[in-house]
Amino acid sequence: MGMDAYIFRAHSKKELESDNFWELVRKSEESSEVYHGEVRLGEVWYARKFWDLHNEMSFLRDYECGEFIELTKDNLEEMLTFATHHTDYWEGFKSVPELCEILYSFDEMEERGYHYYYEADW
């Protein structure tokens, strides 16, 4: 079964679930508000069929497809620890650098009013 998992950066879950979220992402891409070359809003991590990671994360127990879960720093640490010890769908570690960047910027992004949200669908 296919699964796509994402981490999004947004101001709030309400913003992320709004009908115009992707319009906001497009506008942020056009603005000069950039952090280390990354867009402040939108997708910041993607994993294809990384079921092992999804099934091992303690914060995802009883997860419903398409649900947005706000991530804590501890959640990201848990994801990164798992991802550095288990290969992804491509038998590599493609998702690790993005997780490192998210964790590295986590405190600063929170200070600026941004949060990270996990979402998966299948």
PDB file of N, CA and C in Angstrom:
ATOM      1  N   MET A   1       0.846  -1.179   0.000  1.00  0.00           N
ATOM      2  CA  MET A   1       0.000   0.000   0.000  1.00  0.00           C
ATOM      3  C   MET A   1       0.884   1.233   0.000  1.00  0.00           C
ATOM      4  N   GLY A   2       0.512   2.254  -0.752  1.00  0.00           N
ATOM      5  CA  GLY A   2       1.276   3.481  -0.815  1.00  0.00           C
ATOM      6  C   GLY A   2       1.022   4.373   0.381  1.00  0.00           C
ATOM      7  N   MET A   3       2.029   5.106   0.754  1.00  0.00           N
ATOM      8  CA  MET A   3       1.884   6.084   1.831  1.00  0.00           C
ATOM      9  C   MET A   3       2.824   7.241   1.532  1.00  0.00           C
ATOM     10  N   ASP A   4       2.302   8.428   1.699  1.00  0.00           N
ATOM     11  CA  ASP A   4       3.108   9.632   1.609  1.00  0.00           C
ATOM     12  C   ASP A   4       3.027  10.328   2.957  1.00  0.00           C
ATOM     13  N   ALA A   5       4.178  10.622   3.542  1.00  0.00           N
ATOM     14  CA  ALA A   5       4.233  11.305   4.831  1.00  0.00           C
ATOM     15  C   ALA A   5       4.932  12.647   4.639  1.00  0.00           C
ATOM     16  N   TYR A   6       4.462  13.645   5.365  1.00  0.00           N
ATOM     17  CA  TYR A   6       4.974  15.001   5.225  1.00  0.00           C
ATOM     18  C   TYR A   6       5.151  15.649   6.588  1.00  0.00           C
ATOM     19  N   ILE A   7       6.026  16.641   6.630  1.00  0.00           N
ATOM     20  CA  ILE A   7       6.047  17.601   7.719  1.00  0.00           C
ATOM     21  C   ILE A   7       5.847  18.958   7.067  1.00  0.00           C
ATOM     22  N   PHE A   8       4.870  19.694   7.591  1.00  0.00           N
ATOM     23  CA  PHE A   8       4.569  21.039   7.108  1.00  0.00           C
ATOM     24  C   PHE A   8       4.940  22.057   8.175  1.00  0.00           C
ATOM     25  N   ARG A   9       5.337  23.239   7.721  1.00  0.00           N
ATOM     26  CA  ARG A   9       5.559  24.365   8.628  1.00  0.00           C
ATOM     27  C   ARG A   9       4.425  25.352   8.401  1.00  0.00           C
ATOM     28  N   ALA A  10       3.776  25.748   9.513  1.00  0.00           N
ATOM     29  CA  ALA A  10       2.655  26.688   9.450  1.00  0.00           C
ATOM     30  C   ALA A  10       2.552  27.413  10.784  1.00  0.00           C
ATOM     31  N   HIS A  11       1.772  28.483  10.787  1.00  0.00           N
ATOM     32  CA  HIS A  11       1.556  29.227  12.030  1.00  0.00           C
ATOM     33  C   HIS A  11       0.658  28.464  12.997  1.00  0.00           C
ATOM     34  N   SER A  12      -0.284  27.716  12.444  1.00  0.00           N
ATOM     35  CA  SER A  12      -1.226  26.991  13.285  1.00  0.00           C
ATOM     36  C   SER A  12      -1.859  25.865  12.474  1.00  0.00           C
ATOM     37  N   LYS A  13      -2.494  24.957  13.184  1.00  0.00           N
ATOM     38  CA  LYS A  13      -3.226  23.881  12.521  1.00  0.00           C
ATOM     39  C   LYS A  13      -4.390  24.465  11.722  1.00  0.00           C
ATOM     40  N   LYS A  14      -5.016  25.497  12.272  1.00  0.00           N
ATOM     41  CA  LYS A  14      -6.129  26.154  11.582  1.00  0.00           C
ATOM     42  C   LYS A  14      -5.658  26.721  10.237  1.00  0.00           C
ATOM     43  N   GLU A  15      -4.500  27.357  10.218  1.00  0.00           N
ATOM     44  CA  GLU A  15      -3.953  27.886   8.959  1.00  0.00           C
ATOM     45  C   GLU A  15      -3.684  26.749   7.986  1.00  0.00           C
ATOM     46  N   LEU A  16      -3.101  25.672   8.480  1.00  0.00           N
ATOM     47  CA  LEU A  16      -2.763  24.523   7.649  1.00  0.00           C
ATOM     48  C   LEU A  16      -4.005  23.888   7.024  1.00  0.00           C
ATOM     49  N   GLU A  17      -5.096  23.873   7.766  1.00  0.00           N
ATOM     50  CA  GLU A  17      -6.335  23.256   7.278  1.00  0.00           C
ATOM     51  C   GLU A  17      -7.226  24.218   6.494  1.00  0.00           C
ATOM     52  N   SER A  18      -6.817  25.482   6.391  1.00  0.00           N
ATOM     53  CA  SER A  18      -7.645  26.455   5.680  1.00  0.00           C
ATOM     54  C   SER A  18      -7.670  26.180   4.177  1.00  0.00           C
ATOM     55  N   ASP A  19      -8.719  26.614   3.532  1.00  0.00           N
ATOM     56  CA  ASP A  19      -8.869  26.410   2.095  1.00  0.00           C
ATOM     57  C   ASP A  19      -7.824  27.159   1.281  1.00  0.00           C
ATOM     58  N   ASN A  20      -7.261  28.215   1.844  1.00  0.00           N
ATOM     59  CA  ASN A  20      -6.310  29.012   1.073  1.00  0.00           C
ATOM     60  C   ASN A  20      -4.853  28.792   1.508  1.00  0.00           C
ATOM     61  N   PHE A  21      -4.559  27.679   2.191  1.00  0.00           N
ATOM     62  CA  PHE A  21      -3.195  27.445   2.668  1.00  0.00           C
ATOM     63  C   PHE A  21      -2.188  27.452   1.528  1.00  0.00           C
ATOM     64  N   TRP A  22      -2.504  26.787   0.431  1.00  0.00           N
ATOM     65  CA  TRP A  22      -1.527  26.703  -0.665  1.00  0.00           C
ATOM     66  C   TRP A  22      -1.336  28.053  -1.346  1.00  0.00           C
ATOM     67  N   GLU A  23      -2.341  28.908  -1.288  1.00  0.00           N
ATOM     68  CA  GLU A  23      -2.176  30.284  -1.761  1.00  0.00           C
ATOM     69  C   GLU A  23      -1.188  31.026  -0.859  1.00  0.00           C
ATOM     70  N   LEU A  24      -1.291  30.820   0.433  1.00  0.00           N
ATOM     71  CA  LEU A  24      -0.344  31.421   1.380  1.00  0.00           C
ATOM     72  C   LEU A  24       1.075  30.904   1.143  1.00  0.00           C
ATOM     73  N   VAL A  25       1.190  29.614   0.849  1.00  0.00           N
ATOM     74  CA  VAL A  25       2.501  29.039   0.547  1.00  0.00           C
ATOM     75  C   VAL A  25       3.084  29.707  -0.698  1.00  0.00           C
ATOM     76  N   ARG A  26       2.263  29.837  -1.729  1.00  0.00           N
ATOM     77  CA  ARG A  26       2.734  30.474  -2.974  1.00  0.00           C
ATOM     78  C   ARG A  26       3.203  31.897  -2.691  1.00  0.00           C
ATOM     79  N   LYS A  27       2.442  32.640  -1.907  1.00  0.00           N
ATOM     80  CA  LYS A  27       2.821  34.019  -1.578  1.00  0.00           C
ATOM     81  C   LYS A  27       4.112  34.057  -0.771  1.00  0.00           C
ATOM     82  N   SER A  28       4.291  33.103   0.137  1.00  0.00           N
ATOM     83  CA  SER A  28       5.517  33.097   0.923  1.00  0.00           C
ATOM     84  C   SER A  28       6.721  32.730   0.065  1.00  0.00           C
ATOM     85  N   GLU A  29       6.506  31.930  -0.975  1.00  0.00           N
ATOM     86  CA  GLU A  29       7.595  31.616  -1.900  1.00  0.00           C
ATOM     87  C   GLU A  29       8.032  32.850  -2.673  1.00  0.00           C
ATOM     88  N   GLU A  30       7.085  33.731  -2.948  1.00  0.00           N
ATOM     89  CA  GLU A  30       7.377  34.947  -3.709  1.00  0.00           C
ATOM     90  C   GLU A  30       7.951  36.064  -2.839  1.00  0.00           C
ATOM     91  N   SER A  31       7.757  35.953  -1.522  1.00  0.00           N
ATOM     92  CA  SER A  31       8.229  37.013  -0.632  1.00  0.00           C
ATOM     93  C   SER A  31       9.714  36.852  -0.346  1.00  0.00           C
ATOM     94  N   SER A  32      10.260  37.810   0.321  1.00  0.00           N
ATOM     95  CA  SER A  32      11.677  37.751   0.678  1.00  0.00           C
ATOM     96  C   SER A  32      11.880  37.091   2.036  1.00  0.00           C
ATOM     97  N   GLU A  33      10.803  36.644   2.696  1.00  0.00           N
ATOM     98  CA  GLU A  33      10.918  35.999   3.997  1.00  0.00           C
ATOM     99  C   GLU A  33      11.367  34.552   3.810  1.00  0.00           C
ATOM    100  N   VAL A  34      12.674  34.360   3.854  1.00  0.00           N
ATOM    101  CA  VAL A  34      13.240  33.035   3.647  1.00  0.00           C
ATOM    102  C   VAL A  34      14.215  32.746   4.779  1.00  0.00           C
ATOM    103  N   TYR A  35      14.225  31.510   5.248  1.00  0.00           N
ATOM    104  CA  TYR A  35      15.130  31.094   6.305  1.00  0.00           C
ATOM    105  C   TYR A  35      16.095  30.063   5.734  1.00  0.00           C
ATOM    106  N   HIS A  36      17.351  30.373   5.662  1.00  0.00           N
ATOM    107  CA  HIS A  36      18.377  29.476   5.115  1.00  0.00           C
ATOM    108  C   HIS A  36      17.950  28.885   3.775  1.00  0.00           C
ATOM    109  N   GLY A  37      17.357  29.701   2.928  1.00  0.00           N
ATOM    110  CA  GLY A  37      16.962  29.246   1.603  1.00  0.00           C
ATOM    111  C   GLY A  37      15.683  28.443   1.562  1.00  0.00           C
ATOM    112  N   GLU A  38      15.012  28.252   2.703  1.00  0.00           N
ATOM    113  CA  GLU A  38      13.772  27.481   2.725  1.00  0.00           C
ATOM    114  C   GLU A  38      12.574  28.408   2.854  1.00  0.00           C
ATOM    115  N   VAL A  39      11.490  28.016   2.230  1.00  0.00           N
ATOM    116  CA  VAL A  39      10.237  28.740   2.362  1.00  0.00           C
ATOM    117  C   VAL A  39       9.716  28.527   3.775  1.00  0.00           C
ATOM    118  N   ARG A  40       9.204  29.560   4.378  1.00  0.00           N
ATOM    119  CA  ARG A  40       8.742  29.452   5.764  1.00  0.00           C
ATOM    120  C   ARG A  40       7.470  28.630   5.897  1.00  0.00           C
ATOM    121  N   LEU A  41       6.592  28.679   4.936  1.00  0.00           N
ATOM    122  CA  LEU A  41       5.348  27.914   5.005  1.00  0.00           C
ATOM    123  C   LEU A  41       5.411  26.730   4.046  1.00  0.00           C
ATOM    124  N   GLY A  42       4.674  25.691   4.388  1.00  0.00           N
ATOM    125  CA  GLY A  42       4.507  24.582   3.465  1.00  0.00           C
ATOM    126  C   GLY A  42       5.306  23.353   3.829  1.00  0.00           C
ATOM    127  N   GLU A  43       5.468  22.492   2.850  1.00  0.00           N
ATOM    128  CA  GLU A  43       6.138  21.208   3.031  1.00  0.00           C
ATOM    129  C   GLU A  43       7.639  21.412   3.270  1.00  0.00           C
ATOM    130  N   VAL A  44       8.144  20.786   4.341  1.00  0.00           N
ATOM    131  CA  VAL A  44       9.576  20.869   4.636  1.00  0.00           C
ATOM    132  C   VAL A  44      10.223  19.485   4.729  1.00  0.00           C
ATOM    133  N   TRP A  45       9.412  18.430   4.657  1.00  0.00           N
ATOM    134  CA  TRP A  45       9.924  17.055   4.711  1.00  0.00           C
ATOM    135  C   TRP A  45       8.930  16.142   4.020  1.00  0.00           C
ATOM    136  N   TYR A  46       9.479  15.159   3.306  1.00  0.00           N
ATOM    137  CA  TYR A  46       8.638  14.189   2.614  1.00  0.00           C
ATOM    138  C   TYR A  46       9.287  12.819   2.722  1.00  0.00           C
ATOM    139  N   ALA A  47       8.461  11.806   2.934  1.00  0.00           N
ATOM    140  CA  ALA A  47       8.939  10.427   2.922  1.00  0.00           C
ATOM    141  C   ALA A  47       7.921   9.556   2.200  1.00  0.00           C
ATOM    142  N   ARG A  48       8.409   8.758   1.289  1.00  0.00           N
ATOM    143  CA  ARG A  48       7.564   7.848   0.516  1.00  0.00           C
ATOM    144  C   ARG A  48       7.596   6.469   1.151  1.00  0.00           C
ATOM    145  N   LYS A  49       6.428   5.937   1.479  1.00  0.00           N
ATOM    146  CA  LYS A  49       6.261   4.569   1.986  1.00  0.00           C
ATOM    147  C   LYS A  49       7.209   4.239   3.139  1.00  0.00           C
ATOM    148  N   PHE A  50       7.447   5.187   4.020  1.00  0.00           N
ATOM    149  CA  PHE A  50       8.315   4.935   5.172  1.00  0.00           C
ATOM    150  C   PHE A  50       7.458   4.408   6.327  1.00  0.00           C
ATOM    151  N   TRP A  51       6.817   3.265   6.054  1.00  0.00           N
ATOM    152  CA  TRP A  51       5.918   2.641   7.024  1.00  0.00           C
ATOM    153  C   TRP A  51       6.628   2.312   8.325  1.00  0.00           C
ATOM    154  N   ASP A  52       7.882   1.870   8.236  1.00  0.00           N
ATOM    155  CA  ASP A  52       8.607   1.505   9.452  1.00  0.00           C
ATOM    156  C   ASP A  52       8.700   2.694  10.402  1.00  0.00           C
ATOM    157  N   LEU A  53       9.029   3.845   9.884  1.00  0.00           N
ATOM    158  CA  LEU A  53       9.106   5.044  10.716  1.00  0.00           C
ATOM    159  C   LEU A  53       7.722   5.383  11.269  1.00  0.00           C
ATOM    160  N   HIS A  54       6.738   5.422  10.401  1.00  0.00           N
ATOM    161  CA  HIS A  54       5.375   5.776  10.803  1.00  0.00           C
ATOM    162  C   HIS A  54       4.867   4.857  11.920  1.00  0.00           C
ATOM    163  N   ASN A  55       5.089   3.574  11.769  1.00  0.00           N
ATOM    164  CA  ASN A  55       4.571   2.607  12.740  1.00  0.00           C
ATOM    165  C   ASN A  55       5.339   2.599  14.058  1.00  0.00           C
ATOM    166  N   GLU A  56       6.560   3.088  14.064  1.00  0.00           N
ATOM    167  CA  GLU A  56       7.378   3.075  15.277  1.00  0.00           C
ATOM    168  C   GLU A  56       7.253   4.333  16.123  1.00  0.00           C
ATOM    169  N   MET A  57       6.705   5.410  15.581  1.00  0.00           N
ATOM    170  CA  MET A  57       6.660   6.666  16.319  1.00  0.00           C
ATOM    171  C   MET A  57       5.587   6.619  17.402  1.00  0.00           C
ATOM    172  N   SER A  58       5.998   6.793  18.642  1.00  0.00           N
ATOM    173  CA  SER A  58       5.068   6.700  19.774  1.00  0.00           C
ATOM    174  C   SER A  58       3.961   7.747  19.705  1.00  0.00           C
ATOM    175  N   PHE A  59       4.248   8.911  19.148  1.00  0.00           N
ATOM    176  CA  PHE A  59       3.245   9.972  19.076  1.00  0.00           C
ATOM    177  C   PHE A  59       2.210   9.741  17.980  1.00  0.00           C
ATOM    178  N   LEU A  60       2.361   8.683  17.208  1.00  0.00           N
ATOM    179  CA  LEU A  60       1.408   8.396  16.130  1.00  0.00           C
ATOM    180  C   LEU A  60       0.489   7.214  16.439  1.00  0.00           C
ATOM    181  N   ARG A  61       0.426   6.794  17.671  1.00  0.00           N
ATOM    182  CA  ARG A  61      -0.490   5.712  18.033  1.00  0.00           C
ATOM    183  C   ARG A  61      -1.918   6.154  17.713  1.00  0.00           C
ATOM    184  N   ASP A  62      -2.697   5.270  17.144  1.00  0.00           N
ATOM    185  CA  ASP A  62      -4.084   5.552  16.765  1.00  0.00           C
ATOM    186  C   ASP A  62      -4.196   6.686  15.745  1.00  0.00           C
ATOM    187  N   TYR A  63      -3.215   6.816  14.871  1.00  0.00           N
ATOM    188  CA  TYR A  63      -3.214   7.874  13.856  1.00  0.00           C
ATOM    189  C   TYR A  63      -4.312   7.635  12.826  1.00  0.00           C
ATOM    190  N   GLU A  64      -5.007   8.700  12.452  1.00  0.00           N
ATOM    191  CA  GLU A  64      -6.027   8.660  11.401  1.00  0.00           C
ATOM    192  C   GLU A  64      -5.440   9.260  10.124  1.00  0.00           C
ATOM    193  N   CYS A  65      -5.621   8.594   9.014  1.00  0.00           N
ATOM    194  CA  CYS A  65      -5.113   9.055   7.720  1.00  0.00           C
ATOM    195  C   CYS A  65      -5.519  10.512   7.476  1.00  0.00           C
ATOM    196  N   GLY A  66      -4.547  11.346   7.127  1.00  0.00           N
ATOM    197  CA  GLY A  66      -4.801  12.747   6.811  1.00  0.00           C
ATOM    198  C   GLY A  66      -4.822  13.682   8.000  1.00  0.00           C
ATOM    199  N   GLU A  67      -4.649  13.170   9.198  1.00  0.00           N
ATOM    200  CA  GLU A  67      -4.665  13.986  10.414  1.00  0.00           C
ATOM    201  C   GLU A  67      -3.352  14.783  10.528  1.00  0.00           C
ATOM    202  N   PHE A  68      -3.451  16.027  10.962  1.00  0.00           N
ATOM    203  CA  PHE A  68      -2.275  16.856  11.206  1.00  0.00           C
ATOM    204  C   PHE A  68      -1.923  16.787  12.689  1.00  0.00           C
ATOM    205  N   ILE A  69      -0.711  16.326  12.988  1.00  0.00           N
ATOM    206  CA  ILE A  69      -0.230  16.207  14.360  1.00  0.00           C
ATOM    207  C   ILE A  69       0.870  17.241  14.570  1.00  0.00           C
ATOM    208  N   GLU A  70       0.675  18.143  15.538  1.00  0.00           N
ATOM    209  CA  GLU A  70       1.726  19.119  15.833  1.00  0.00           C
ATOM    210  C   GLU A  70       2.900  18.397  16.484  1.00  0.00           C
ATOM    211  N   LEU A  71       4.093  18.668  15.975  1.00  0.00           N
ATOM    212  CA  LEU A  71       5.292  18.000  16.455  1.00  0.00           C
ATOM    213  C   LEU A  71       6.009  18.808  17.526  1.00  0.00           C
ATOM    214  N   THR A  72       6.513  18.103  18.496  1.00  0.00           N
ATOM    215  CA  THR A  72       7.381  18.703  19.505  1.00  0.00           C
ATOM    216  C   THR A  72       8.824  18.415  19.103  1.00  0.00           C
ATOM    217  N   LYS A  73       9.728  19.053  19.794  1.00  0.00           N
ATOM    218  CA  LYS A  73      11.143  18.791  19.556  1.00  0.00           C
ATOM    219  C   LYS A  73      11.465  17.322  19.857  1.00  0.00           C
ATOM    220  N   ASP A  74      10.860  16.790  20.907  1.00  0.00           N
ATOM    221  CA  ASP A  74      11.065  15.376  21.248  1.00  0.00           C
ATOM    222  C   ASP A  74      10.548  14.448  20.148  1.00  0.00           C
ATOM    223  N   ASN A  75       9.414  14.792  19.534  1.00  0.00           N
ATOM    224  CA  ASN A  75       8.896  13.993  18.415  1.00  0.00           C
ATOM    225  C   ASN A  75       9.896  13.960  17.271  1.00  0.00           C
ATOM    226  N   LEU A  76      10.463  15.113  16.960  1.00  0.00           N
ATOM    227  CA  LEU A  76      11.447  15.190  15.869  1.00  0.00           C
ATOM    228  C   LEU A  76      12.707  14.404  16.212  1.00  0.00           C
ATOM    229  N   GLU A  77      13.142  14.480  17.459  1.00  0.00           N
ATOM    230  CA  GLU A  77      14.297  13.691  17.904  1.00  0.00           C
ATOM    231  C   GLU A  77      14.016  12.201  17.716  1.00  0.00           C
ATOM    232  N   GLU A  78      12.808  11.777  18.066  1.00  0.00           N
ATOM    233  CA  GLU A  78      12.421  10.373  17.915  1.00  0.00           C
ATOM    234  C   GLU A  78      12.449   9.966  16.438  1.00  0.00           C
ATOM    235  N   MET A  79      11.906  10.817  15.581  1.00  0.00           N
ATOM    236  CA  MET A  79      11.916  10.530  14.141  1.00  0.00           C
ATOM    237  C   MET A  79      13.337  10.447  13.609  1.00  0.00           C
ATOM    238  N   LEU A  80      14.170  11.411  13.984  1.00  0.00           N
ATOM    239  CA  LEU A  80      15.542  11.445  13.497  1.00  0.00           C
ATOM    240  C   LEU A  80      16.333  10.233  13.979  1.00  0.00           C
ATOM    241  N   THR A  81      16.172   9.884  15.231  1.00  0.00           N
ATOM    242  CA  THR A  81      16.870   8.709  15.765  1.00  0.00           C
ATOM    243  C   THR A  81      16.490   7.462  14.978  1.00  0.00           C
ATOM    244  N   PHE A  82      15.211   7.284  14.723  1.00  0.00           N
ATOM    245  CA  PHE A  82      14.768   6.115  13.956  1.00  0.00           C
ATOM    246  C   PHE A  82      15.313   6.172  12.531  1.00  0.00           C
ATOM    247  N   ALA A  83      15.190   7.330  11.890  1.00  0.00           N
ATOM    248  CA  ALA A  83      15.580   7.472  10.479  1.00  0.00           C
ATOM    249  C   ALA A  83      17.080   7.288  10.260  1.00  0.00           C
ATOM    250  N   THR A  84      17.883   7.543  11.269  1.00  0.00           N
ATOM    251  CA  THR A  84      19.332   7.352  11.103  1.00  0.00           C
ATOM    252  C   THR A  84      19.748   5.894  11.280  1.00  0.00           C
ATOM    253  N   HIS A  85      18.834   5.053  11.734  1.00  0.00           N
ATOM    254  CA  HIS A  85      19.146   3.642  11.958  1.00  0.00           C
ATOM    255  C   HIS A  85      18.357   2.689  11.062  1.00  0.00           C
ATOM    256  N   HIS A  86      17.474   3.230  10.235  1.00  0.00           N
ATOM    257  CA  HIS A  86      16.643   2.395   9.361  1.00  0.00           C
ATOM    258  C   HIS A  86      16.547   3.053   7.986  1.00  0.00           C
ATOM    259  N   THR A  87      16.730   2.277   6.959  1.00  0.00           N
ATOM    260  CA  THR A  87      16.652   2.836   5.609  1.00  0.00           C
ATOM    261  C   THR A  87      15.214   3.128   5.228  1.00  0.00           C
ATOM    262  N   ASP A  88      15.066   4.082   4.310  1.00  0.00           N
ATOM    263  CA  ASP A  88      13.746   4.488   3.834  1.00  0.00           C
ATOM    264  C   ASP A  88      13.326   3.632   2.638  1.00  0.00           C
ATOM    265  N   TYR A  89      12.290   4.040   1.963  1.00  0.00           N
ATOM    266  CA  TYR A  89      11.741   3.316   0.819  1.00  0.00           C
ATOM    267  C   TYR A  89      12.777   3.084  -0.278  1.00  0.00           C
ATOM    268  N   TRP A  90      13.694   4.030  -0.440  1.00  0.00           N
ATOM    269  CA  TRP A  90      14.721   3.941  -1.484  1.00  0.00           C
ATOM    270  C   TRP A  90      15.982   3.223  -0.979  1.00  0.00           C
ATOM    271  N   GLU A  91      15.877   2.538   0.166  1.00  0.00           N
ATOM    272  CA  GLU A  91      17.003   1.828   0.774  1.00  0.00           C
ATOM    273  C   GLU A  91      18.168   2.774   1.074  1.00  0.00           C
ATOM    274  N   GLY A  92      17.829   3.982   1.479  1.00  0.00           N
ATOM    275  CA  GLY A  92      18.832   4.979   1.830  1.00  0.00           C
ATOM    276  C   GLY A  92      18.357   5.823   3.001  1.00  0.00           C
ATOM    277  N   PHE A  93      18.929   7.007   3.105  1.00  0.00           N
ATOM    278  CA  PHE A  93      18.640   7.901   4.225  1.00  0.00           C
ATOM    279  C   PHE A  93      18.266   9.300   3.728  1.00  0.00           C
ATOM    280  N   LYS A  94      17.474   9.357   2.653  1.00  0.00           N
ATOM    281  CA  LYS A  94      17.133  10.635   2.018  1.00  0.00           C
ATOM    282  C   LYS A  94      16.379  11.594   2.926  1.00  0.00           C
ATOM    283  N   SER A  95      15.648  11.089   3.890  1.00  0.00           N
ATOM    284  CA  SER A  95      14.850  11.974   4.743  1.00  0.00           C
ATOM    285  C   SER A  95      15.641  12.548   5.919  1.00  0.00           C
ATOM    286  N   VAL A  96      16.823  12.037   6.170  1.00  0.00           N
ATOM    287  CA  VAL A  96      17.600  12.452   7.341  1.00  0.00           C
ATOM    288  C   VAL A  96      18.045  13.913   7.281  1.00  0.00           C
ATOM    289  N   PRO A  97      18.630  14.405   6.180  1.00  0.00           N
ATOM    290  CA  PRO A  97      19.073  15.811   6.174  1.00  0.00           C
ATOM    291  C   PRO A  97      17.946  16.810   6.456  1.00  0.00           C
ATOM    292  N   GLU A  98      16.768  16.571   5.896  1.00  0.00           N
ATOM    293  CA  GLU A  98      15.641  17.485   6.139  1.00  0.00           C
ATOM    294  C   GLU A  98      15.226  17.456   7.610  1.00  0.00           C
ATOM    295  N   LEU A  99      15.209  16.270   8.212  1.00  0.00           N
ATOM    296  CA  LEU A  99      14.874  16.179   9.634  1.00  0.00           C
ATOM    297  C   LEU A  99      15.901  16.923  10.483  1.00  0.00           C
ATOM    298  N   CYS A 100      17.171  16.817  10.103  1.00  0.00           N
ATOM    299  CA  CYS A 100      18.225  17.560  10.813  1.00  0.00           C
ATOM    300  C   CYS A 100      17.987  19.062  10.724  1.00  0.00           C
ATOM    301  N   GLU A 101      17.643  19.570   9.533  1.00  0.00           N
ATOM    302  CA  GLU A 101      17.391  21.001   9.341  1.00  0.00           C
ATOM    303  C   GLU A 101      16.191  21.464  10.169  1.00  0.00           C
ATOM    304  N   ILE A 102      15.151  20.669  10.188  1.00  0.00           N
ATOM    305  CA  ILE A 102      13.958  21.020  10.966  1.00  0.00           C
ATOM    306  C   ILE A 102      14.308  21.097  12.448  1.00  0.00           C
ATOM    307  N   LEU A 103      15.010  20.095  12.928  1.00  0.00           N
ATOM    308  CA  LEU A 103      15.394  20.074  14.337  1.00  0.00           C
ATOM    309  C   LEU A 103      16.320  21.239  14.672  1.00  0.00           C
ATOM    310  N   TYR A 104      17.249  21.521  13.784  1.00  0.00           N
ATOM    311  CA  TYR A 104      18.204  22.617  13.989  1.00  0.00           C
ATOM    312  C   TYR A 104      17.496  23.965  14.117  1.00  0.00           C
ATOM    313  N   SER A 105      16.472  24.181  13.312  1.00  0.00           N
ATOM    314  CA  SER A 105      15.786  25.474  13.296  1.00  0.00           C
ATOM    315  C   SER A 105      14.539  25.514  14.180  1.00  0.00           C
ATOM    316  N   PHE A 106      14.250  24.418  14.870  1.00  0.00           N
ATOM    317  CA  PHE A 106      13.002  24.285  15.613  1.00  0.00           C
ATOM    318  C   PHE A 106      12.759  25.444  16.584  1.00  0.00           C
ATOM    319  N   ASP A 107      13.704  25.727  17.460  1.00  0.00           N
ATOM    320  CA  ASP A 107      13.519  26.775  18.474  1.00  0.00           C
ATOM    321  C   ASP A 107      13.323  28.148  17.837  1.00  0.00           C
ATOM    322  N   GLU A 108      14.126  28.449  16.841  1.00  0.00           N
ATOM    323  CA  GLU A 108      14.003  29.748  16.176  1.00  0.00           C
ATOM    324  C   GLU A 108      12.658  29.891  15.467  1.00  0.00           C
ATOM    325  N   MET A 109      12.211  28.829  14.818  1.00  0.00           N
ATOM    326  CA  MET A 109      10.920  28.900  14.129  1.00  0.00           C
ATOM    327  C   MET A 109       9.781  29.069  15.139  1.00  0.00           C
ATOM    328  N   GLU A 110       9.854  28.389  16.268  1.00  0.00           N
ATOM    329  CA  GLU A 110       8.832  28.572  17.298  1.00  0.00           C
ATOM    330  C   GLU A 110       8.823  30.005  17.810  1.00  0.00           C
ATOM    331  N   GLU A 111      10.006  30.584  18.006  1.00  0.00           N
ATOM    332  CA  GLU A 111      10.098  31.978  18.460  1.00  0.00           C
ATOM    333  C   GLU A 111       9.446  32.923  17.450  1.00  0.00           C
ATOM    334  N   ARG A 112       9.496  32.552  16.178  1.00  0.00           N
ATOM    335  CA  ARG A 112       8.901  33.368  15.117  1.00  0.00           C
ATOM    336  C   ARG A 112       7.427  33.045  14.885  1.00  0.00           C
ATOM    337  N   GLY A 113       6.885  32.121  15.665  1.00  0.00           N
ATOM    338  CA  GLY A 113       5.460  31.819  15.573  1.00  0.00           C
ATOM    339  C   GLY A 113       5.091  30.682  14.634  1.00  0.00           C
ATOM    340  N   TYR A 114       6.064  29.872  14.234  1.00  0.00           N
ATOM    341  CA  TYR A 114       5.799  28.754  13.328  1.00  0.00           C
ATOM    342  C   TYR A 114       5.846  27.441  14.086  1.00  0.00           C
ATOM    343  N   HIS A 115       5.088  26.459  13.579  1.00  0.00           N
ATOM    344  CA  HIS A 115       5.039  25.138  14.180  1.00  0.00           C
ATOM    345  C   HIS A 115       5.174  24.104  13.073  1.00  0.00           C
ATOM    346  N   TYR A 116       5.521  22.889  13.467  1.00  0.00           N
ATOM    347  CA  TYR A 116       5.678  21.790  12.518  1.00  0.00           C
ATOM    348  C   TYR A 116       4.569  20.773  12.740  1.00  0.00           C
ATOM    349  N   TYR A 117       4.048  20.239  11.627  1.00  0.00           N
ATOM    350  CA  TYR A 117       2.936  19.303  11.677  1.00  0.00           C
ATOM    351  C   TYR A 117       3.238  18.097  10.787  1.00  0.00           C
ATOM    352  N   TYR A 118       3.007  16.919  11.328  1.00  0.00           N
ATOM    353  CA  TYR A 118       3.155  15.665  10.582  1.00  0.00           C
ATOM    354  C   TYR A 118       1.799  15.314   9.986  1.00  0.00           C
ATOM    355  N   GLU A 119       1.837  14.804   8.758  1.00  0.00           N
ATOM    356  CA  GLU A 119       0.611  14.332   8.100  1.00  0.00           C
ATOM    357  C   GLU A 119       0.990  13.196   7.169  1.00  0.00           C
ATOM    358  N   ALA A 120       0.177  12.147   7.155  1.00  0.00           N
ATOM    359  CA  ALA A 120       0.387  11.030   6.245  1.00  0.00           C
ATOM    360  C   ALA A 120      -0.942  10.614   5.641  1.00  0.00           C
ATOM    361  N   ASP A 121      -0.872  10.180   4.402  1.00  0.00           N
ATOM    362  CA  ASP A 121      -2.082   9.662   3.766  1.00  0.00           C
ATOM    363  C   ASP A 121      -1.735   8.457   2.910  1.00  0.00           C
ATOM    364  N   TRP A 122      -2.723   7.598   2.786  1.00  0.00           N
ATOM    365  CA  TRP A 122      -2.570   6.370   2.010  1.00  0.00           C
ATOM    366  C   TRP A 122      -3.874   5.991   1.387  1.00  0.00           C
TER     367      TRP A 122
END
